[in-house]
Amino acid sequence: MNVTGTFFMAIVTLLDQVITLYIWVVIIAAVVTWVRADPYNPIVQVLNRLTEPVYARIRRIMPTTISGIDFAPIILILALQFVKLFFIQLLYGMAA
């Protein structure tokens, strides 16, 4: 593998890790909403700032609340998993 391929592989690996980290942020934010944490807590505020803009985009495209349950985190996780399974693997193949 040449230098360009190695560099491209490093970028793809980094992107894969960022997507995995964001999936965990979404999971943690969803769990925090179940326990009704203090909205003034800095950690809760950071989680909301990281997830709510993406949830708002999903909610604009399709209704996500059914019987009082918001499915936006599940839709987001499924979309991120699709990106990981399809595009990241495709990029790994191109780097090799």
N, C-alpha and C. Protein backbone atom coordinates (compact mmCIF):
# COMPACT_ATOMS: atom_id res chain seq x y z
N MET A 1 0.86 -1.18 0.00
CA MET A 1 0.00 0.00 0.00
C MET A 1 0.90 1.24 0.00
N ASN A 2 0.55 2.16 -0.83
CA ASN A 2 1.37 3.37 -0.96
C ASN A 2 0.94 4.41 0.09
N VAL A 3 1.62 5.54 0.05
CA VAL A 3 1.37 6.59 1.04
C VAL A 3 -0.04 7.14 0.92
N THR A 4 -0.51 7.34 -0.30
CA THR A 4 -1.85 7.88 -0.51
C THR A 4 -2.91 6.91 0.03
N GLY A 5 -2.73 5.62 -0.23
CA GLY A 5 -3.67 4.62 0.28
C GLY A 5 -3.67 4.56 1.79
N THR A 6 -2.52 4.66 2.39
CA THR A 6 -2.42 4.65 3.85
C THR A 6 -3.09 5.89 4.45
N PHE A 7 -2.87 7.04 3.83
CA PHE A 7 -3.49 8.27 4.29
C PHE A 7 -5.01 8.17 4.17
N PHE A 8 -5.50 7.67 3.04
CA PHE A 8 -6.94 7.52 2.83
C PHE A 8 -7.53 6.53 3.84
N MET A 9 -6.80 5.44 4.13
CA MET A 9 -7.25 4.46 5.11
C MET A 9 -7.34 5.09 6.50
N ALA A 10 -6.39 5.95 6.84
CA ALA A 10 -6.42 6.63 8.14
C ALA A 10 -7.63 7.56 8.24
N ILE A 11 -7.93 8.28 7.16
CA ILE A 11 -9.10 9.18 7.15
C ILE A 11 -10.39 8.37 7.33
N VAL A 12 -10.50 7.26 6.61
CA VAL A 12 -11.71 6.43 6.69
C VAL A 12 -11.84 5.83 8.09
N THR A 13 -10.75 5.38 8.68
CA THR A 13 -10.79 4.83 10.04
C THR A 13 -11.22 5.90 11.03
N LEU A 14 -10.70 7.10 10.88
CA LEU A 14 -11.09 8.20 11.76
C LEU A 14 -12.57 8.52 11.61
N LEU A 15 -13.07 8.55 10.39
CA LEU A 15 -14.49 8.78 10.15
C LEU A 15 -15.35 7.69 10.76
N ASP A 16 -14.91 6.45 10.67
CA ASP A 16 -15.62 5.33 11.27
C ASP A 16 -15.70 5.49 12.79
N GLN A 17 -14.61 5.90 13.41
CA GLN A 17 -14.59 6.09 14.86
C GLN A 17 -15.45 7.27 15.29
N VAL A 18 -15.49 8.33 14.50
CA VAL A 18 -16.34 9.48 14.83
C VAL A 18 -17.82 9.08 14.76
N ILE A 19 -18.19 8.30 13.75
CA ILE A 19 -19.58 7.83 13.65
C ILE A 19 -19.93 6.94 14.83
N THR A 20 -19.03 6.06 15.22
CA THR A 20 -19.28 5.20 16.38
C THR A 20 -19.43 6.02 17.65
N LEU A 21 -18.59 7.02 17.84
CA LEU A 21 -18.69 7.89 19.00
C LEU A 21 -20.02 8.63 19.01
N TYR A 22 -20.46 9.13 17.85
CA TYR A 22 -21.72 9.86 17.78
C TYR A 22 -22.91 8.94 18.06
N ILE A 23 -22.82 7.68 17.64
CA ILE A 23 -23.88 6.72 17.97
C ILE A 23 -23.99 6.58 19.48
N TRP A 24 -22.86 6.51 20.16
CA TRP A 24 -22.89 6.41 21.63
C TRP A 24 -23.44 7.68 22.26
N VAL A 25 -23.14 8.84 21.69
CA VAL A 25 -23.71 10.09 22.20
C VAL A 25 -25.22 10.07 22.08
N VAL A 26 -25.73 9.59 20.95
CA VAL A 26 -27.18 9.50 20.75
C VAL A 26 -27.81 8.54 21.75
N ILE A 27 -27.17 7.41 21.98
CA ILE A 27 -27.69 6.43 22.96
C ILE A 27 -27.71 7.03 24.35
N ILE A 28 -26.63 7.68 24.74
CA ILE A 28 -26.57 8.28 26.08
C ILE A 28 -27.60 9.39 26.21
N ALA A 29 -27.77 10.20 25.18
CA ALA A 29 -28.77 11.27 25.23
C ALA A 29 -30.18 10.70 25.36
N ALA A 30 -30.45 9.59 24.68
CA ALA A 30 -31.77 8.97 24.79
C ALA A 30 -32.01 8.43 26.20
N VAL A 31 -31.00 7.81 26.78
CA VAL A 31 -31.14 7.28 28.14
C VAL A 31 -31.33 8.43 29.14
N VAL A 32 -30.63 9.53 28.94
CA VAL A 32 -30.76 10.68 29.84
C VAL A 32 -32.18 11.23 29.79
N THR A 33 -32.82 11.21 28.63
CA THR A 33 -34.20 11.71 28.56
C THR A 33 -35.16 10.82 29.32
N TRP A 34 -34.84 9.55 29.47
CA TRP A 34 -35.72 8.64 30.21
C TRP A 34 -35.69 8.92 31.71
N VAL A 35 -34.56 9.40 32.24
CA VAL A 35 -34.44 9.59 33.69
C VAL A 35 -34.72 11.02 34.12
N ARG A 36 -35.09 11.88 33.18
CA ARG A 36 -35.41 13.28 33.48
C ARG A 36 -34.30 13.97 34.26
N ALA A 37 -33.14 14.01 33.68
CA ALA A 37 -32.00 14.67 34.32
C ALA A 37 -32.20 16.17 34.33
N ASP A 38 -31.46 16.83 35.19
CA ASP A 38 -31.52 18.29 35.33
C ASP A 38 -31.11 18.95 34.01
N PRO A 39 -31.99 19.76 33.39
CA PRO A 39 -31.64 20.37 32.10
C PRO A 39 -30.52 21.41 32.20
N TYR A 40 -30.19 21.84 33.41
CA TYR A 40 -29.11 22.82 33.59
C TYR A 40 -27.75 22.14 33.81
N ASN A 41 -27.75 20.83 33.88
CA ASN A 41 -26.50 20.10 34.02
C ASN A 41 -25.69 20.28 32.74
N PRO A 42 -24.40 20.62 32.85
CA PRO A 42 -23.58 20.86 31.65
C PRO A 42 -23.50 19.65 30.71
N ILE A 43 -23.47 18.46 31.27
CA ILE A 43 -23.40 17.26 30.42
C ILE A 43 -24.68 17.11 29.62
N VAL A 44 -25.82 17.34 30.26
CA VAL A 44 -27.10 17.24 29.57
C VAL A 44 -27.19 18.31 28.49
N GLN A 45 -26.71 19.50 28.77
CA GLN A 45 -26.73 20.57 27.77
C GLN A 45 -25.87 20.22 26.56
N VAL A 46 -24.70 19.65 26.80
CA VAL A 46 -23.82 19.25 25.69
C VAL A 46 -24.49 18.16 24.86
N LEU A 47 -25.09 17.18 25.52
CA LEU A 47 -25.77 16.12 24.79
C LEU A 47 -26.90 16.69 23.94
N ASN A 48 -27.65 17.62 24.49
CA ASN A 48 -28.74 18.24 23.72
C ASN A 48 -28.22 19.03 22.54
N ARG A 49 -27.13 19.76 22.73
CA ARG A 49 -26.55 20.54 21.64
C ARG A 49 -26.01 19.65 20.52
N LEU A 50 -25.55 18.46 20.88
CA LEU A 50 -25.01 17.54 19.88
C LEU A 50 -26.09 16.76 19.13
N THR A 51 -27.24 16.55 19.77
CA THR A 51 -28.25 15.70 19.15
C THR A 51 -29.47 16.44 18.62
N GLU A 52 -29.91 17.48 19.28
CA GLU A 52 -31.16 18.13 18.89
C GLU A 52 -31.15 18.71 17.47
N PRO A 53 -30.06 19.30 16.97
CA PRO A 53 -30.10 19.78 15.58
C PRO A 53 -30.35 18.66 14.56
N VAL A 54 -29.77 17.50 14.80
CA VAL A 54 -29.98 16.38 13.89
C VAL A 54 -31.40 15.83 14.04
N TYR A 55 -31.88 15.75 15.28
CA TYR A 55 -33.27 15.31 15.50
C TYR A 55 -34.24 16.25 14.79
N ALA A 56 -33.98 17.55 14.84
CA ALA A 56 -34.87 18.53 14.20
C ALA A 56 -34.93 18.30 12.69
N ARG A 57 -33.81 17.98 12.08
CA ARG A 57 -33.81 17.70 10.64
C ARG A 57 -34.61 16.45 10.33
N ILE A 58 -34.46 15.43 11.16
CA ILE A 58 -35.23 14.20 10.94
C ILE A 58 -36.72 14.48 11.11
N ARG A 59 -37.07 15.26 12.13
CA ARG A 59 -38.48 15.57 12.39
C ARG A 59 -39.10 16.40 11.27
N ARG A 60 -38.30 17.21 10.58
CA ARG A 60 -38.82 17.97 9.44
C ARG A 60 -39.15 17.06 8.27
N ILE A 61 -38.38 16.00 8.11
CA ILE A 61 -38.58 15.08 6.99
C ILE A 61 -39.77 14.15 7.23
N MET A 62 -39.89 13.65 8.45
CA MET A 62 -40.94 12.68 8.75
C MET A 62 -41.39 12.81 10.19
N PRO A 63 -42.63 12.43 10.48
CA PRO A 63 -43.08 12.46 11.88
C PRO A 63 -42.38 11.33 12.66
N THR A 64 -41.88 11.66 13.82
CA THR A 64 -41.12 10.67 14.59
C THR A 64 -41.78 10.30 15.91
N THR A 65 -42.83 11.01 16.29
CA THR A 65 -43.48 10.73 17.56
C THR A 65 -44.73 9.90 17.32
N ILE A 66 -44.76 8.73 17.94
CA ILE A 66 -45.90 7.83 17.85
C ILE A 66 -46.29 7.46 19.27
N SER A 67 -47.52 7.77 19.66
CA SER A 67 -48.04 7.48 21.00
C SER A 67 -47.16 8.08 22.09
N GLY A 68 -46.61 9.25 21.85
CA GLY A 68 -45.79 9.93 22.84
C GLY A 68 -44.35 9.47 22.90
N ILE A 69 -43.96 8.54 22.06
CA ILE A 69 -42.59 8.04 22.03
C ILE A 69 -41.90 8.63 20.80
N ASP A 70 -40.75 9.27 21.03
CA ASP A 70 -39.99 9.87 19.94
C ASP A 70 -39.01 8.84 19.38
N PHE A 71 -39.17 8.53 18.11
CA PHE A 71 -38.32 7.54 17.47
C PHE A 71 -37.16 8.18 16.70
N ALA A 72 -36.93 9.47 16.85
CA ALA A 72 -35.84 10.15 16.15
C ALA A 72 -34.47 9.55 16.49
N PRO A 73 -34.17 9.22 17.76
CA PRO A 73 -32.86 8.61 18.03
C PRO A 73 -32.68 7.26 17.33
N ILE A 74 -33.73 6.47 17.27
CA ILE A 74 -33.62 5.16 16.62
C ILE A 74 -33.40 5.34 15.12
N ILE A 75 -34.13 6.28 14.52
CA ILE A 75 -33.97 6.55 13.08
C ILE A 75 -32.55 7.03 12.81
N LEU A 76 -32.04 7.91 13.67
CA LEU A 76 -30.68 8.42 13.50
C LEU A 76 -29.65 7.30 13.64
N ILE A 77 -29.81 6.45 14.62
CA ILE A 77 -28.86 5.34 14.80
C ILE A 77 -28.89 4.40 13.60
N LEU A 78 -30.08 4.10 13.10
CA LEU A 78 -30.18 3.24 11.92
C LEU A 78 -29.51 3.88 10.70
N ALA A 79 -29.69 5.18 10.53
CA ALA A 79 -29.05 5.88 9.41
C ALA A 79 -27.53 5.86 9.55
N LEU A 80 -27.05 6.09 10.77
CA LEU A 80 -25.60 6.06 10.99
C LEU A 80 -25.03 4.66 10.79
N GLN A 81 -25.76 3.65 11.21
CA GLN A 81 -25.32 2.27 10.99
C GLN A 81 -25.27 1.95 9.49
N PHE A 82 -26.24 2.46 8.73
CA PHE A 82 -26.22 2.26 7.29
C PHE A 82 -24.98 2.90 6.68
N VAL A 83 -24.67 4.12 7.11
CA VAL A 83 -23.47 4.79 6.61
C VAL A 83 -22.23 3.98 6.94
N LYS A 84 -22.17 3.46 8.17
CA LYS A 84 -21.01 2.65 8.56
C LYS A 84 -20.92 1.38 7.74
N LEU A 85 -22.03 0.69 7.56
CA LEU A 85 -21.99 -0.60 6.89
C LEU A 85 -21.81 -0.48 5.38
N PHE A 86 -22.33 0.56 4.79
CA PHE A 86 -22.24 0.68 3.35
C PHE A 86 -21.09 1.59 2.92
N PHE A 87 -21.16 2.86 3.28
CA PHE A 87 -20.19 3.81 2.76
C PHE A 87 -18.79 3.62 3.34
N ILE A 88 -18.71 3.37 4.64
CA ILE A 88 -17.38 3.20 5.24
C ILE A 88 -16.71 1.95 4.67
N GLN A 89 -17.47 0.86 4.55
CA GLN A 89 -16.89 -0.36 3.98
C GLN A 89 -16.48 -0.14 2.53
N LEU A 90 -17.28 0.64 1.81
CA LEU A 90 -16.94 0.96 0.43
C LEU A 90 -15.63 1.76 0.37
N LEU A 91 -15.50 2.72 1.28
CA LEU A 91 -14.28 3.52 1.31
C LEU A 91 -13.07 2.69 1.74
N TYR A 92 -13.28 1.75 2.68
CA TYR A 92 -12.19 0.85 3.05
C TYR A 92 -11.72 0.04 1.84
N GLY A 93 -12.68 -0.43 1.05
CA GLY A 93 -12.33 -1.19 -0.14
C GLY A 93 -11.58 -0.35 -1.15
N MET A 94 -11.97 0.91 -1.28
CA MET A 94 -11.26 1.80 -2.21
C MET A 94 -9.84 2.09 -1.72
N ALA A 95 -9.67 2.18 -0.40
CA ALA A 95 -8.35 2.47 0.15
C ALA A 95 -7.40 1.29 0.00
N ALA A 96 -7.96 0.11 0.02
CA ALA A 96 -7.11 -1.09 -0.11
C ALA A 96 -6.74 -1.27 -1.56
